[in-house]
C-alpha cells in the first residue's frame, strides 16, 4: 500500500495506522517546523527518486507528503508522474486534474504536462467510448492552449503538444507544433522526429 498513490484508498482510521500516521506527522513537524514544510521536503525527495527511476520509493515519499499536506498540488503531480511511467495514463490524468484544482503555479509547465497525459489517456484507454475519447482529446488541447496563453513561445510546450497530437493520429498538427518549437529556439528529439516521419513525411516548413 505504501507504493500505491494515497495508499490505494486504504482506511487510515484503523488504530495502528492512525497511530503510525500521527507519529509520522509529529516527528516531521518537529524536524521541519510544520506539516506543510515537511510535505514540501518529501515532495522534493519524491521527485529525486522519480528522476532516478525508483518509482516505488518516489510514491512512498509522495504518500508521506500527502499525509502531511493533502492540499499541496505537487503531491498530485508526483503521483501523476509515477502513474504515467507505469502506463496508467487515465489514472495519472485524474491526479493532474486534482493538482490543477488546487491552483498551482502555472509557469512550471503544468498545463503542458497535463495536456500530454490527457492525450495519452485518450490514445491508450480502449475502454473509453467515442465521446469520452473526443472529450479527453479536447481537454488536452484546451490545457495546451492555457499553457500557451501563460507562457507563449515556449519550445517545451510546443514539443510536448507535438507528441500529444502524434499519439492521437493528428500528424499534420504534430508537424505544426514541431515547427513552432523550432521557431521558439527548441529542437524535437531525433527519435520522435523519426517516429513522426514514418507516419507522415515532414512537410515544407512555413
Protein backbone atom coordinates (compact mmCIF):
# COMPACT_ATOMS: atom_id res chain seq x y z
CA UNK A 1 0.00 0.00 0.00
CA UNK A 2 2.92 2.37 0.64
CA UNK A 3 3.74 2.24 -3.08
CA UNK A 4 0.21 3.00 -4.31
CA UNK A 5 -0.88 6.66 -4.54
CA UNK A 6 -2.83 7.78 -1.47
CA UNK A 7 -2.24 4.30 -0.06
CA UNK A 8 -4.76 2.87 -2.50
CA UNK A 9 -7.66 4.46 -0.64
CA UNK A 10 -6.84 2.45 2.47
CA UNK A 11 -8.82 3.40 5.57
CA UNK A 12 -6.23 5.20 7.68
CA UNK A 13 -8.54 5.34 10.73
CA UNK A 14 -7.61 1.80 11.77
CA UNK A 15 -5.94 2.27 15.20
CA UNK A 16 -2.46 1.01 14.32
CA UNK A 17 -2.32 3.00 11.08
CA UNK A 18 -3.74 6.11 12.73
CA UNK A 19 -1.16 5.93 15.50
CA UNK A 20 1.66 5.48 12.98
CA UNK A 21 0.42 8.41 10.89
CA UNK A 22 0.12 10.66 13.93
CA UNK A 23 3.67 9.80 14.99
CA UNK A 24 4.96 10.49 11.48
CA UNK A 25 3.25 13.89 11.44
CA UNK A 26 4.51 14.76 14.92
CA UNK A 27 8.10 13.76 14.12
CA UNK A 28 8.03 15.61 10.80
CA UNK A 29 6.60 18.73 12.40
CA UNK A 30 9.36 18.64 15.00
CA UNK A 31 12.03 18.26 12.32
CA UNK A 32 10.73 20.69 9.68
CA UNK A 33 8.72 23.16 11.74
CA UNK A 34 5.31 22.44 10.23
CA UNK A 35 3.46 19.70 8.31
CA UNK A 36 3.45 21.89 5.18
CA UNK A 37 7.24 22.26 5.22
CA UNK A 38 7.65 18.54 5.81
CA UNK A 39 5.33 17.84 2.88
CA UNK A 40 7.35 20.06 0.57
CA UNK A 41 10.61 18.41 1.63
CA UNK A 42 9.19 14.97 0.93
CA UNK A 43 7.77 16.07 -2.42
CA UNK A 44 11.26 17.16 -3.42
CA UNK A 45 12.68 13.83 -2.23
CA UNK A 46 9.95 12.04 -4.15
CA UNK A 47 10.90 13.76 -7.39
CA UNK A 48 14.56 12.90 -6.83
CA UNK A 49 13.60 9.23 -6.50
CA UNK A 50 11.38 9.61 -9.58
CA UNK A 51 14.25 11.04 -11.62
CA UNK A 52 16.35 8.06 -10.53
CA UNK A 53 13.56 5.74 -11.80
CA UNK A 54 12.84 4.48 -8.28
CA UNK A 55 9.08 4.70 -8.64
CA UNK A 56 8.22 2.75 -5.51
CA UNK A 57 10.34 4.96 -3.27
CA UNK A 58 9.03 8.05 -5.04
CA UNK A 59 5.46 7.01 -4.27
CA UNK A 60 6.34 6.36 -0.63
CA UNK A 61 7.58 9.94 -0.31
CA UNK A 62 4.60 11.39 -2.16
CA UNK A 63 2.30 9.41 0.14
CA UNK A 64 4.05 10.79 3.20
CA UNK A 65 3.77 14.29 1.77
CA UNK A 66 0.08 13.67 1.13
CA UNK A 67 -0.41 12.73 4.79
CA UNK A 68 1.37 15.93 5.82
CA UNK A 69 -0.46 18.28 3.47
CA UNK A 70 -3.16 16.95 1.12
CA UNK A 71 -3.57 20.48 -0.30
CA UNK A 72 -0.07 20.50 -1.84
CA UNK A 73 -0.62 20.40 -5.61
CA UNK A 74 2.84 18.98 -6.25
CA UNK A 75 1.91 15.82 -4.38
CA UNK A 76 -0.63 15.04 -7.09
CA UNK A 77 1.72 15.91 -9.94
CA UNK A 78 4.13 13.46 -8.32
CA UNK A 79 1.51 10.74 -8.23
CA UNK A 80 0.66 11.57 -11.86
CA UNK A 81 4.30 11.29 -12.94
CA UNK A 82 4.62 7.82 -11.40
CA UNK A 83 1.31 6.61 -12.83
CA UNK A 84 2.29 7.96 -16.26
CA UNK A 85 5.52 5.99 -16.21
CA UNK A 86 3.55 2.88 -15.20
CA UNK A 87 1.34 3.32 -18.27
CA UNK A 88 -1.72 4.23 -16.19
CA UNK A 89 -2.46 7.36 -18.16
CA UNK A 90 -6.10 7.94 -17.23
CA UNK A 91 -5.34 7.43 -13.54
CA UNK A 92 -2.49 9.90 -13.96
CA UNK A 93 -4.88 12.38 -15.55
CA UNK A 94 -7.19 12.22 -12.55
CA UNK A 95 -4.24 13.22 -10.39
CA UNK A 96 -3.38 16.09 -12.71
CA UNK A 97 -6.95 17.36 -12.55
CA UNK A 98 -6.71 17.30 -8.75
CA UNK A 99 -3.43 19.21 -8.91
CA UNK A 100 -4.94 21.82 -11.23
CA UNK A 101 -7.95 22.22 -8.93
CA UNK A 102 -5.56 23.38 -6.21
CA UNK A 103 -4.41 26.33 -8.36
CA UNK A 104 -0.68 25.56 -8.57
CA UNK A 105 1.77 27.99 -10.21
CA UNK A 106 1.06 27.99 -13.94
CA UNK A 107 4.57 28.86 -15.10
CA UNK A 108 6.22 25.49 -14.48
CA UNK A 109 4.87 23.60 -17.49
CA UNK A 110 1.97 22.01 -15.63
CA UNK A 111 -0.50 22.68 -18.43
CA UNK A 112 1.78 21.02 -20.98
CA UNK A 113 2.33 18.03 -18.73
CA UNK A 114 -1.41 17.68 -18.10
CA UNK A 115 -2.18 18.09 -21.80
CA UNK A 116 0.21 15.33 -22.76
CA UNK A 117 -1.17 12.95 -20.13
CA UNK A 118 -4.72 13.64 -21.33
CA UNK A 119 -3.65 12.79 -24.87
CA UNK A 120 -2.02 9.55 -23.74
CA UNK A 121 -5.17 8.65 -21.83
CA UNK A 122 -7.28 9.23 -24.94
CA UNK A 123 -4.96 7.16 -27.11
CA UNK A 124 -4.29 4.27 -24.73
CA UNK A 125 -7.51 3.56 -22.83
CA UNK A 126 -9.60 1.30 -25.06
CA UNK A 127 -12.46 1.32 -22.56
CA UNK A 128 -13.27 4.96 -23.37
CA UNK A 129 -16.33 5.48 -25.53
CA UNK A 130 -16.05 7.58 -28.67
CA UNK A 131 -17.47 10.68 -26.97
CA UNK A 132 -15.28 10.15 -23.90
CA UNK A 133 -12.18 9.88 -26.06
CA UNK A 134 -13.15 13.00 -28.00
CA UNK A 135 -13.70 14.87 -24.74
CA UNK A 136 -10.28 13.85 -23.46
CA UNK A 137 -8.62 15.00 -26.69
CA UNK A 138 -10.46 18.32 -26.40
CA UNK A 139 -9.31 18.60 -22.78
CA UNK A 140 -5.73 18.02 -23.89
CA UNK A 141 -5.95 20.75 -26.49
CA UNK A 142 -7.53 23.19 -24.02
CA UNK A 143 -4.77 22.57 -21.49
CA UNK A 144 -2.10 23.28 -24.08
CA UNK A 145 -3.87 26.47 -25.11
CA UNK A 146 -3.96 27.54 -21.47
CA UNK A 147 -0.24 26.85 -21.24
CA UNK A 148 0.44 28.82 -24.41
CA UNK A 149 -1.52 31.79 -23.05
CA UNK A 150 0.54 31.77 -19.85
CA UNK A 151 3.93 31.07 -21.45
CA UNK A 152 3.86 31.92 -25.17
CA UNK A 153 6.70 30.80 -27.43
CA UNK A 154 7.93 28.06 -25.10
CA UNK A 155 9.65 25.31 -27.04
CA UNK A 156 8.94 22.79 -24.26
CA UNK A 157 5.21 23.33 -24.60
CA UNK A 158 5.22 23.02 -28.40
CA UNK A 159 7.36 19.89 -28.38
CA UNK A 160 5.03 18.34 -25.81
CA UNK A 161 2.00 19.41 -27.86
CA UNK A 162 3.52 17.72 -30.92
CA UNK A 163 3.72 14.41 -29.04
CA UNK A 164 0.10 14.78 -27.90
CA UNK A 165 -1.05 15.20 -31.48
CA UNK A 166 1.10 12.26 -32.54
CA UNK A 167 -0.43 9.85 -30.03
CA UNK A 168 -3.90 10.61 -31.35
CA UNK A 169 -3.03 10.38 -35.04
CA UNK A 170 -3.04 14.12 -35.78
CA UNK A 171 0.24 14.06 -37.69
CA UNK A 172 -0.11 17.31 -39.65
CA UNK A 173 -0.88 19.14 -36.40
CA UNK A 174 2.12 17.46 -34.79
CA UNK A 175 4.40 18.85 -37.53
CA UNK A 176 2.91 22.31 -36.98
CA UNK A 177 3.95 22.14 -33.35
CA UNK A 178 7.42 20.87 -34.25
CA UNK A 179 7.85 23.96 -36.44
CA UNK A 180 6.58 26.23 -33.64
CA UNK A 181 9.10 24.67 -31.27
CA UNK A 182 11.89 25.37 -33.74
CA UNK A 183 10.83 28.99 -34.12
CA UNK A 184 10.90 29.24 -30.32
CA UNK A 185 14.50 28.03 -30.32
CA UNK A 186 13.90 24.39 -29.42
CA UNK A 187 14.61 21.05 -31.03
CA UNK A 188 12.44 17.93 -31.02
CA UNK A 189 14.10 14.66 -30.16
CA UNK A 190 15.50 12.79 -33.17
CA UNK A 191 13.63 9.66 -32.10
CA UNK A 192 10.30 11.49 -32.09
CA UNK A 193 11.01 13.07 -35.47
CA UNK A 194 11.74 9.61 -36.91
CA UNK A 195 8.51 8.25 -35.47
CA UNK A 196 6.50 11.18 -36.81
CA UNK A 197 8.24 10.99 -40.18
CA UNK A 198 7.24 7.36 -40.53
CA UNK A 199 3.60 8.37 -40.13
CA UNK A 200 3.80 11.47 -42.32
CA UNK A 201 6.84 12.85 -44.18
CA UNK A 202 7.96 16.25 -42.99
CA UNK A 203 6.12 18.96 -44.94
CA UNK A 204 7.71 22.19 -46.05
CA UNK A 205 8.23 24.44 -43.07
CA UNK A 206 6.16 27.62 -43.38
